[in-house]
Amino acid sequence: MSKMPEMDYNRLRGRITECGLTQKECAEKIGVSEGQLNRKLAGEFAFRQDEISRLCDLLSIPVTKIGHYFFCPKS
């Protein structure tokens, strides 16, 4: 069985910064702990669909760009 590729969340981190938020503020606004968000951004855990939805709303990420931020494999 093949392993899921690791995702690159650098664009997502950049978007959080562009929106003027810290990771802590972002985590609070989407209802997760700062530690959980950091571990998800590090690729230790996958983002749940509801978290992706809340992040898209918070960071004004259009539906057509979800893959650009959440499903971009590390090269």
C-alpha atoms as a PDB file:
ATOM      1  CA  MET A   1       0.000   0.000   0.000  1.00  0.00           C
ATOM      2  CA  SER A   2       1.442   3.379  -0.956  1.00  0.00           C
ATOM      3  CA  LYS A   3       1.776   6.211   1.528  1.00  0.00           C
ATOM      4  CA  MET A   4      -0.032   9.493   0.993  1.00  0.00           C
ATOM      5  CA  PRO A   5       2.344  12.152  -0.344  1.00  0.00           C
ATOM      6  CA  GLU A   6       3.347  14.864   2.112  1.00  0.00           C
ATOM      7  CA  MET A   7       1.647  18.160   1.435  1.00  0.00           C
ATOM      8  CA  ASP A   8       3.411  21.501   1.151  1.00  0.00           C
ATOM      9  CA  TYR A   9       1.580  24.128   3.214  1.00  0.00           C
ATOM     10  CA  ASN A  10       3.970  27.027   2.521  1.00  0.00           C
ATOM     11  CA  ARG A  11       1.341  28.809   0.405  1.00  0.00           C
ATOM     12  CA  LEU A  12      -1.186  28.426   3.209  1.00  0.00           C
ATOM     13  CA  ARG A  13       1.296  29.798   5.755  1.00  0.00           C
ATOM     14  CA  GLY A  14       1.952  32.718   3.404  1.00  0.00           C
ATOM     15  CA  ARG A  15      -1.773  33.386   3.038  1.00  0.00           C
ATOM     16  CA  ILE A  16      -2.211  33.470   6.824  1.00  0.00           C
ATOM     17  CA  THR A  17       0.570  36.099   6.977  1.00  0.00           C
ATOM     18  CA  GLU A  18      -0.862  38.055   3.993  1.00  0.00           C
ATOM     19  CA  CYS A  19      -4.164  38.276   5.868  1.00  0.00           C
ATOM     20  CA  GLY A  20      -2.346  39.839   8.833  1.00  0.00           C
ATOM     21  CA  LEU A  21      -2.909  36.896  11.161  1.00  0.00           C
ATOM     22  CA  THR A  22      -0.579  34.923  13.367  1.00  0.00           C
ATOM     23  CA  GLN A  23      -0.952  31.145  13.378  1.00  0.00           C
ATOM     24  CA  LYS A  24      -2.318  31.467  16.927  1.00  0.00           C
ATOM     25  CA  GLU A  25      -5.016  33.956  15.839  1.00  0.00           C
ATOM     26  CA  CYS A  26      -5.858  31.819  12.829  1.00  0.00           C
ATOM     27  CA  ALA A  27      -6.199  28.708  15.003  1.00  0.00           C
ATOM     28  CA  GLU A  28      -8.498  30.514  17.449  1.00  0.00           C
ATOM     29  CA  LYS A  29     -10.719  31.768  14.631  1.00  0.00           C
ATOM     30  CA  ILE A  30     -11.192  28.293  13.122  1.00  0.00           C
ATOM     31  CA  GLY A  31     -11.690  26.597  16.495  1.00  0.00           C
ATOM     32  CA  VAL A  32      -8.505  24.551  16.901  1.00  0.00           C
ATOM     33  CA  SER A  33      -5.559  24.940  19.250  1.00  0.00           C
ATOM     34  CA  GLU A  34      -2.399  26.639  18.059  1.00  0.00           C
ATOM     35  CA  GLY A  35      -0.575  23.332  18.554  1.00  0.00           C
ATOM     36  CA  GLN A  36      -3.077  21.459  16.371  1.00  0.00           C
ATOM     37  CA  LEU A  37      -2.765  24.020  13.583  1.00  0.00           C
ATOM     38  CA  ASN A  38       1.036  23.956  13.780  1.00  0.00           C
ATOM     39  CA  ARG A  39       1.070  20.158  13.578  1.00  0.00           C
ATOM     40  CA  LYS A  40      -1.289  20.198  10.592  1.00  0.00           C
ATOM     41  CA  LEU A  41       0.860  22.807   8.830  1.00  0.00           C
ATOM     42  CA  ALA A  42       3.888  20.610   9.556  1.00  0.00           C
ATOM     43  CA  GLY A  43       2.124  17.722   7.810  1.00  0.00           C
ATOM     44  CA  GLU A  44       1.807  15.571  10.940  1.00  0.00           C
ATOM     45  CA  PHE A  45      -1.991  15.449  10.642  1.00  0.00           C
ATOM     46  CA  ALA A  46      -4.397  16.047   7.754  1.00  0.00           C
ATOM     47  CA  PHE A  47      -6.793  18.981   7.720  1.00  0.00           C
ATOM     48  CA  ARG A  48     -10.426  17.928   8.139  1.00  0.00           C
ATOM     49  CA  GLN A  49     -12.924  19.109   5.556  1.00  0.00           C
ATOM     50  CA  ASP A  50     -14.646  21.463   8.028  1.00  0.00           C
ATOM     51  CA  GLU A  51     -11.273  23.022   8.922  1.00  0.00           C
ATOM     52  CA  ILE A  52     -10.458  23.553   5.255  1.00  0.00           C
ATOM     53  CA  SER A  53     -13.854  25.202   4.803  1.00  0.00           C
ATOM     54  CA  ARG A  54     -13.349  27.540   7.796  1.00  0.00           C
ATOM     55  CA  LEU A  55      -9.820  28.423   6.664  1.00  0.00           C
ATOM     56  CA  CYS A  56     -11.080  29.233   3.167  1.00  0.00           C
ATOM     57  CA  ASP A  57     -13.736  31.538   4.617  1.00  0.00           C
ATOM     58  CA  LEU A  58     -11.277  33.193   7.009  1.00  0.00           C
ATOM     59  CA  LEU A  59      -8.512  33.652   4.428  1.00  0.00           C
ATOM     60  CA  SER A  60     -10.780  34.420   1.436  1.00  0.00           C
ATOM     61  CA  ILE A  61      -9.506  31.420  -0.519  1.00  0.00           C
ATOM     62  CA  PRO A  62     -11.842  30.716  -3.454  1.00  0.00           C
ATOM     63  CA  VAL A  63     -13.120  27.162  -3.913  1.00  0.00           C
ATOM     64  CA  THR A  64     -11.215  26.964  -7.210  1.00  0.00           C
ATOM     65  CA  LYS A  65      -7.905  27.512  -5.340  1.00  0.00           C
ATOM     66  CA  ILE A  66      -8.346  24.956  -2.524  1.00  0.00           C
ATOM     67  CA  GLY A  67      -5.963  22.524  -4.211  1.00  0.00           C
ATOM     68  CA  HIS A  68      -3.361  25.277  -4.548  1.00  0.00           C
ATOM     69  CA  TYR A  69      -3.267  25.727  -0.752  1.00  0.00           C
ATOM     70  CA  PHE A  70      -4.202  22.319   0.686  1.00  0.00           C
ATOM     71  CA  PHE A  71      -3.303  19.605  -1.823  1.00  0.00           C
ATOM     72  CA  CYS A  72       0.067  20.561  -3.250  1.00  0.00           C
ATOM     73  CA  PRO A  73       2.519  17.658  -2.706  1.00  0.00           C
ATOM     74  CA  LYS A  74       6.012  18.453  -1.488  1.00  0.00           C
ATOM     75  CA  SER A  75       8.553  18.081  -4.263  1.00  0.00           C
END
